[in-house]
Amino acid sequence: NRKADEAAITELTQKLTLLLDDKKIQK
C-alpha cells in the first residue's frame, strides 16, 4: 500500500509541477 501511495504522490507531484509551469495557471 505504501508503494502504491508513493507512486500516486509522485504522479500528482509531476502533474502539479507541469501545472505550475503553465503561465495561465500562474496568472
PDB file of all heavy atoms in Angstrom:
ATOM      1  N   ASN A   1       0.841  -1.215   0.000  1.00  0.00           N
ATOM      2  CA  ASN A   1       0.000   0.000   0.000  1.00  0.00           C
ATOM      3  C   ASN A   1       0.859   1.241   0.000  1.00  0.00           C
ATOM      4  O   ASN A   1       0.546   2.261  -0.654  1.00  0.00           O
ATOM      5  CB  ASN A   1      -0.941   0.004   1.198  1.00  0.00           C
ATOM      6  CG  ASN A   1      -2.011  -1.089   1.096  1.00  0.00           C
ATOM      7  OD1 ASN A   1      -2.344  -1.535  -0.025  1.00  0.00           O
ATOM      8  ND2 ASN A   1      -2.575  -1.487   2.219  1.00  0.00           N
ATOM      9  N   ARG A   2       1.939   1.198   0.768  1.00  0.00           N
ATOM     10  CA  ARG A   2       2.820   2.361   0.847  1.00  0.00           C
ATOM     11  C   ARG A   2       3.469   2.621  -0.510  1.00  0.00           C
ATOM     12  O   ARG A   2       3.603   3.786  -0.924  1.00  0.00           O
ATOM     13  CB  ARG A   2       3.881   2.135   1.921  1.00  0.00           C
ATOM     14  CG  ARG A   2       4.787   3.345   2.110  1.00  0.00           C
ATOM     15  CD  ARG A   2       5.749   3.101   3.239  1.00  0.00           C
ATOM     16  NE  ARG A   2       5.034   3.048   4.499  1.00  0.00           N
ATOM     17  CZ  ARG A   2       5.628   2.842   5.673  1.00  0.00           C
ATOM     18  NH1 ARG A   2       6.937   2.672   5.718  1.00  0.00           N
ATOM     19  NH2 ARG A   2       4.899   2.801   6.773  1.00  0.00           N
ATOM     20  N   LYS A   3       3.847   1.579  -1.211  1.00  0.00           N
ATOM     21  CA  LYS A   3       4.445   1.752  -2.533  1.00  0.00           C
ATOM     22  C   LYS A   3       3.442   2.394  -3.502  1.00  0.00           C
ATOM     23  O   LYS A   3       3.785   3.274  -4.293  1.00  0.00           O
ATOM     24  CB  LYS A   3       4.903   0.393  -3.089  1.00  0.00           C
ATOM     25  CG  LYS A   3       6.150  -0.147  -2.431  1.00  0.00           C
ATOM     26  CD  LYS A   3       6.540  -1.495  -3.025  1.00  0.00           C
ATOM     27  CE  LYS A   3       7.795  -2.040  -2.371  1.00  0.00           C
ATOM     28  NZ  LYS A   3       8.166  -3.341  -2.960  1.00  0.00           N
ATOM     29  N   ALA A   4       2.159   1.918  -3.401  1.00  0.00           N
ATOM     30  CA  ALA A   4       1.121   2.484  -4.290  1.00  0.00           C
ATOM     31  C   ALA A   4       0.899   3.971  -3.999  1.00  0.00           C
ATOM     32  O   ALA A   4       0.741   4.801  -4.901  1.00  0.00           O
ATOM     33  CB  ALA A   4      -0.173   1.695  -4.115  1.00  0.00           C
ATOM     34  N   ASP A   5       0.890   4.283  -2.663  1.00  0.00           N
ATOM     35  CA  ASP A   5       0.705   5.686  -2.251  1.00  0.00           C
ATOM     36  C   ASP A   5       1.854   6.537  -2.733  1.00  0.00           C
ATOM     37  O   ASP A   5       1.646   7.679  -3.212  1.00  0.00           O
ATOM     38  CB  ASP A   5       0.589   5.770  -0.722  1.00  0.00           C
ATOM     39  CG  ASP A   5      -0.709   5.152  -0.216  1.00  0.00           C
ATOM     40  OD1 ASP A   5      -1.641   4.969  -1.011  1.00  0.00           O
ATOM     41  OD2 ASP A   5      -0.763   4.822   1.012  1.00  0.00           O
ATOM     42  N   GLU A   6       3.075   6.023  -2.624  1.00  0.00           N
ATOM     43  CA  GLU A   6       4.243   6.773  -3.050  1.00  0.00           C
ATOM     44  C   GLU A   6       4.192   7.014  -4.558  1.00  0.00           C
ATOM     45  O   GLU A   6       4.552   8.100  -5.051  1.00  0.00           O
ATOM     46  CB  GLU A   6       5.524   6.007  -2.672  1.00  0.00           C
ATOM     47  CG  GLU A   6       5.813   6.030  -1.184  1.00  0.00           C
ATOM     48  CD  GLU A   6       7.056   5.228  -0.834  1.00  0.00           C
ATOM     49  OE1 GLU A   6       7.603   4.526  -1.736  1.00  0.00           O
ATOM     50  OE2 GLU A   6       7.492   5.275   0.357  1.00  0.00           O
ATOM     51  N   ALA A   7       3.730   6.003  -5.291  1.00  0.00           N
ATOM     52  CA  ALA A   7       3.616   6.157  -6.765  1.00  0.00           C
ATOM     53  C   ALA A   7       2.567   7.221  -7.134  1.00  0.00           C
ATOM     54  O   ALA A   7       2.777   8.057  -8.034  1.00  0.00           O
ATOM     55  CB  ALA A   7       3.260   4.800  -7.377  1.00  0.00           C
ATOM     56  N   ALA A   8       1.437   7.207  -6.403  1.00  0.00           N
ATOM     57  CA  ALA A   8       0.370   8.183  -6.658  1.00  0.00           C
ATOM     58  C   ALA A   8       0.849   9.588  -6.340  1.00  0.00           C
ATOM     59  O   ALA A   8       0.560  10.554  -7.077  1.00  0.00           O
ATOM     60  CB  ALA A   8      -0.852   7.818  -5.826  1.00  0.00           C
ATOM     61  N   ILE A   9       1.601   9.720  -5.189  1.00  0.00           N
ATOM     62  CA  ILE A   9       2.123  11.023  -4.798  1.00  0.00           C
ATOM     63  C   ILE A   9       3.106  11.527  -5.840  1.00  0.00           C
ATOM     64  O   ILE A   9       3.097  12.716  -6.228  1.00  0.00           O
ATOM     65  CB  ILE A   9       2.794  10.919  -3.408  1.00  0.00           C
ATOM     66  CG1 ILE A   9       1.727  10.679  -2.321  1.00  0.00           C
ATOM     67  CG2 ILE A   9       3.596  12.172  -3.089  1.00  0.00           C
ATOM     68  CD1 ILE A   9       2.286  10.341  -0.955  1.00  0.00           C
ATOM     69  N   THR A  10       3.932  10.629  -6.323  1.00  0.00           N
ATOM     70  CA  THR A  10       4.919  11.013  -7.334  1.00  0.00           C
ATOM     71  C   THR A  10       4.206  11.514  -8.605  1.00  0.00           C
ATOM     72  O   THR A  10       4.583  12.545  -9.214  1.00  0.00           O
ATOM     73  CB  THR A  10       5.820   9.809  -7.669  1.00  0.00           C
ATOM     74  OG1 THR A  10       6.504   9.386  -6.455  1.00  0.00           O
ATOM     75  CG2 THR A  10       6.857  10.190  -8.716  1.00  0.00           C
ATOM     76  N   GLU A  11       3.161  10.784  -8.981  1.00  0.00           N
ATOM     77  CA  GLU A  11       2.405  11.156 -10.186  1.00  0.00           C
ATOM     78  C   GLU A  11       1.730  12.514  -9.998  1.00  0.00           C
ATOM     79  O   GLU A  11       1.773  13.384 -10.905  1.00  0.00           O
ATOM     80  CB  GLU A  11       1.357  10.078 -10.477  1.00  0.00           C
ATOM     81  CG  GLU A  11       0.587  10.367 -11.769  1.00  0.00           C
ATOM     82  CD  GLU A  11      -0.442   9.294 -12.047  1.00  0.00           C
ATOM     83  OE1 GLU A  11      -0.521   8.283 -11.251  1.00  0.00           O
ATOM     84  OE2 GLU A  11      -1.177   9.416 -13.040  1.00  0.00           O
ATOM     85  N   LEU A  12       1.119  12.763  -8.874  1.00  0.00           N
ATOM     86  CA  LEU A  12       0.463  14.045  -8.592  1.00  0.00           C
ATOM     87  C   LEU A  12       1.471  15.170  -8.554  1.00  0.00           C
ATOM     88  O   LEU A  12       1.200  16.289  -9.001  1.00  0.00           O
ATOM     89  CB  LEU A  12      -0.307  13.975  -7.266  1.00  0.00           C
ATOM     90  CG  LEU A  12      -1.558  13.078  -7.275  1.00  0.00           C
ATOM     91  CD1 LEU A  12      -2.130  12.963  -5.870  1.00  0.00           C
ATOM     92  CD2 LEU A  12      -2.618  13.650  -8.234  1.00  0.00           C
ATOM     93  N   THR A  13       2.662  14.888  -7.949  1.00  0.00           N
ATOM     94  CA  THR A  13       3.706  15.903  -7.874  1.00  0.00           C
ATOM     95  C   THR A  13       4.138  16.315  -9.276  1.00  0.00           C
ATOM     96  O   THR A  13       4.364  17.506  -9.556  1.00  0.00           O
ATOM     97  CB  THR A  13       4.908  15.364  -7.092  1.00  0.00           C
ATOM     98  OG1 THR A  13       4.488  14.992  -5.778  1.00  0.00           O
ATOM     99  CG2 THR A  13       6.015  16.414  -6.978  1.00  0.00           C
ATOM    100  N   GLN A  14       4.272  15.330 -10.139  1.00  0.00           N
ATOM    101  CA  GLN A  14       4.675  15.619 -11.512  1.00  0.00           C
ATOM    102  C   GLN A  14       3.612  16.471 -12.203  1.00  0.00           C
ATOM    103  O   GLN A  14       3.934  17.437 -12.931  1.00  0.00           O
ATOM    104  CB  GLN A  14       4.895  14.305 -12.283  1.00  0.00           C
ATOM    105  CG  GLN A  14       6.134  13.543 -11.795  1.00  0.00           C
ATOM    106  CD  GLN A  14       6.272  12.198 -12.472  1.00  0.00           C
ATOM    107  OE1 GLN A  14       5.325  11.737 -13.214  1.00  0.00           O
ATOM    108  NE2 GLN A  14       7.438  11.567 -12.270  1.00  0.00           N
ATOM    109  N   LYS A  15       2.329  16.116 -11.998  1.00  0.00           N
ATOM    110  CA  LYS A  15       1.243  16.879 -12.620  1.00  0.00           C
ATOM    111  C   LYS A  15       1.222  18.305 -12.093  1.00  0.00           C
ATOM    112  O   LYS A  15       0.995  19.265 -12.850  1.00  0.00           O
ATOM    113  CB  LYS A  15      -0.098  16.192 -12.347  1.00  0.00           C
ATOM    114  CG  LYS A  15      -0.271  14.909 -13.141  1.00  0.00           C
ATOM    115  CD  LYS A  15      -1.628  14.279 -12.821  1.00  0.00           C
ATOM    116  CE  LYS A  15      -1.845  13.005 -13.640  1.00  0.00           C
ATOM    117  NZ  LYS A  15      -3.165  12.410 -13.412  1.00  0.00           N
ATOM    118  N   LEU A  16       1.421  18.452 -10.802  1.00  0.00           N
ATOM    119  CA  LEU A  16       1.419  19.784 -10.199  1.00  0.00           C
ATOM    120  C   LEU A  16       2.561  20.614 -10.760  1.00  0.00           C
ATOM    121  O   LEU A  16       2.387  21.818 -11.009  1.00  0.00           O
ATOM    122  CB  LEU A  16       1.525  19.653  -8.662  1.00  0.00           C
ATOM    123  CG  LEU A  16       1.548  20.958  -7.901  1.00  0.00           C
ATOM    124  CD1 LEU A  16       0.231  21.763  -8.175  1.00  0.00           C
ATOM    125  CD2 LEU A  16       1.714  20.699  -6.404  1.00  0.00           C
ATOM    126  N   THR A  17       3.671  19.998 -10.937  1.00  0.00           N
ATOM    127  CA  THR A  17       4.841  20.724 -11.475  1.00  0.00           C
ATOM    128  C   THR A  17       4.534  21.227 -12.869  1.00  0.00           C
ATOM    129  O   THR A  17       4.887  22.371 -13.234  1.00  0.00           O
ATOM    130  CB  THR A  17       6.061  19.792 -11.492  1.00  0.00           C
ATOM    131  OG1 THR A  17       6.336  19.352 -10.149  1.00  0.00           O
ATOM    132  CG2 THR A  17       7.288  20.505 -12.023  1.00  0.00           C
ATOM    133  N   LEU A  18       3.864  20.393 -13.664  1.00  0.00           N
ATOM    134  CA  LEU A  18       3.505  20.795 -15.021  1.00  0.00           C
ATOM    135  C   LEU A  18       2.528  21.961 -14.989  1.00  0.00           C
ATOM    136  O   LEU A  18       2.601  22.885 -15.805  1.00  0.00           O
ATOM    137  CB  LEU A  18       2.891  19.593 -15.754  1.00  0.00           C
ATOM    138  CG  LEU A  18       3.886  18.451 -16.092  1.00  0.00           C
ATOM    139  CD1 LEU A  18       3.121  17.297 -16.728  1.00  0.00           C
ATOM    140  CD2 LEU A  18       4.968  18.942 -17.071  1.00  0.00           C
ATOM    141  N   LEU A  19       1.603  21.867 -14.026  1.00  0.00           N
ATOM    142  CA  LEU A  19       0.616  22.929 -13.917  1.00  0.00           C
ATOM    143  C   LEU A  19       1.276  24.231 -13.524  1.00  0.00           C
ATOM    144  O   LEU A  19       0.919  25.325 -14.039  1.00  0.00           O
ATOM    145  CB  LEU A  19      -0.474  22.564 -12.909  1.00  0.00           C
ATOM    146  CG  LEU A  19      -1.430  21.449 -13.350  1.00  0.00           C
ATOM    147  CD1 LEU A  19      -2.353  21.081 -12.225  1.00  0.00           C
ATOM    148  CD2 LEU A  19      -2.275  21.926 -14.576  1.00  0.00           C
ATOM    149  N   LEU A  20       2.169  24.199 -12.631  1.00  0.00           N
ATOM    150  CA  LEU A  20       2.843  25.411 -12.179  1.00  0.00           C
ATOM    151  C   LEU A  20       3.690  26.026 -13.297  1.00  0.00           C
ATOM    152  O   LEU A  20       3.913  27.239 -13.309  1.00  0.00           O
ATOM    153  CB  LEU A  20       3.712  25.096 -10.943  1.00  0.00           C
ATOM    154  CG  LEU A  20       2.930  24.764  -9.661  1.00  0.00           C
ATOM    155  CD1 LEU A  20       3.906  24.347  -8.573  1.00  0.00           C
ATOM    156  CD2 LEU A  20       2.126  25.967  -9.224  1.00  0.00           C
ATOM    157  N   ASP A  21       4.116  25.185 -14.152  1.00  0.00           N
ATOM    158  CA  ASP A  21       4.918  25.705 -15.270  1.00  0.00           C
ATOM    159  C   ASP A  21       4.020  26.410 -16.313  1.00  0.00           C
ATOM    160  O   ASP A  21       4.508  27.175 -17.147  1.00  0.00           O
ATOM    161  CB  ASP A  21       5.687  24.548 -15.922  1.00  0.00           C
ATOM    162  CG  ASP A  21       6.804  24.069 -15.030  1.00  0.00           C
ATOM    163  OD1 ASP A  21       7.262  24.813 -14.077  1.00  0.00           O
ATOM    164  OD2 ASP A  21       7.289  22.913 -15.192  1.00  0.00           O
ATOM    165  N   ASP A  22       2.712  26.171 -16.232  1.00  0.00           N
ATOM    166  CA  ASP A  22       1.772  26.764 -17.193  1.00  0.00           C
ATOM    167  C   ASP A  22       1.545  28.225 -16.777  1.00  0.00           C
ATOM    168  O   ASP A  22       1.163  28.509 -15.650  1.00  0.00           O
ATOM    169  CB  ASP A  22       0.447  25.992 -17.178  1.00  0.00           C
ATOM    170  CG  ASP A  22      -0.463  26.433 -18.340  1.00  0.00           C
ATOM    171  OD1 ASP A  22      -0.270  27.543 -18.882  1.00  0.00           O
ATOM    172  OD2 ASP A  22      -1.350  25.653 -18.652  1.00  0.00           O
ATOM    173  N   LYS A  23       1.783  29.188 -17.738  1.00  0.00           N
ATOM    174  CA  LYS A  23       1.692  30.631 -17.451  1.00  0.00           C
ATOM    175  C   LYS A  23       0.277  31.044 -17.145  1.00  0.00           C
ATOM    176  O   LYS A  23       0.057  31.941 -16.344  1.00  0.00           O
ATOM    177  CB  LYS A  23       2.198  31.444 -18.629  1.00  0.00           C
ATOM    178  CG  LYS A  23       3.716  31.270 -18.837  1.00  0.00           C
ATOM    179  CD  LYS A  23       4.181  32.103 -19.991  1.00  0.00           C
ATOM    180  CE  LYS A  23       5.669  31.997 -20.190  1.00  0.00           C
ATOM    181  NZ  LYS A  23       6.158  32.862 -21.280  1.00  0.00           N
ATOM    182  N   LYS A  24      -0.689  30.424 -17.738  1.00  0.00           N
ATOM    183  CA  LYS A  24      -2.074  30.764 -17.464  1.00  0.00           C
ATOM    184  C   LYS A  24      -2.381  30.453 -16.032  1.00  0.00           C
ATOM    185  O   LYS A  24      -3.062  31.256 -15.363  1.00  0.00           O
ATOM    186  CB  LYS A  24      -3.022  29.957 -18.370  1.00  0.00           C
ATOM    187  CG  LYS A  24      -2.934  30.376 -19.841  1.00  0.00           C
ATOM    188  CD  LYS A  24      -3.889  29.536 -20.668  1.00  0.00           C
ATOM    189  CE  LYS A  24      -3.866  29.950 -22.162  1.00  0.00           C
ATOM    190  NZ  LYS A  24      -4.795  29.203 -23.000  1.00  0.00           N
ATOM    191  N   ILE A  25      -1.931  29.388 -15.579  1.00  0.00           N
ATOM    192  CA  ILE A  25      -2.167  28.981 -14.190  1.00  0.00           C
ATOM    193  C   ILE A  25      -1.463  29.929 -13.256  1.00  0.00           C
ATOM    194  O   ILE A  25      -1.988  30.285 -12.202  1.00  0.00           O
ATOM    195  CB  ILE A  25      -1.697  27.527 -13.959  1.00  0.00           C
ATOM    196  CG1 ILE A  25      -2.509  26.530 -14.804  1.00  0.00           C
ATOM    197  CG2 ILE A  25      -1.824  27.120 -12.483  1.00  0.00           C
ATOM    198  CD1 ILE A  25      -4.000  26.532 -14.554  1.00  0.00           C
ATOM    199  N   GLN A  26      -0.295  30.382 -13.645  1.00  0.00           N
ATOM    200  CA  GLN A  26       0.459  31.312 -12.789  1.00  0.00           C
ATOM    201  C   GLN A  26      -0.288  32.609 -12.636  1.00  0.00           C
ATOM    202  O   GLN A  26      -0.317  33.197 -11.546  1.00  0.00           O
ATOM    203  CB  GLN A  26       1.859  31.581 -13.393  1.00  0.00           C
ATOM    204  CG  GLN A  26       2.775  30.362 -13.311  1.00  0.00           C
ATOM    205  CD  GLN A  26       4.130  30.629 -13.940  1.00  0.00           C
ATOM    206  OE1 GLN A  26       4.346  31.717 -14.578  1.00  0.00           O
ATOM    207  NE2 GLN A  26       5.021  29.614 -13.800  1.00  0.00           N
ATOM    208  N   LYS A  27      -0.914  33.118 -13.750  1.00  0.00           N
ATOM    209  CA  LYS A  27      -1.674  34.355 -13.695  1.00  0.00           C
ATOM    210  C   LYS A  27      -2.869  34.187 -12.781  1.00  0.00           C
ATOM    211  O   LYS A  27      -3.208  35.107 -12.016  1.00  0.00           O
ATOM    212  CB  LYS A  27      -2.150  34.782 -15.082  1.00  0.00           C
ATOM    213  CG  LYS A  27      -1.006  35.287 -15.974  1.00  0.00           C
ATOM    214  CD  LYS A  27      -1.549  35.672 -17.353  1.00  0.00           C
ATOM    215  CE  LYS A  27      -0.449  36.194 -18.289  1.00  0.00           C
ATOM    216  NZ  LYS A  27      -0.938  36.610 -19.623  1.00  0.00           N
TER     217      LYS A  27
END
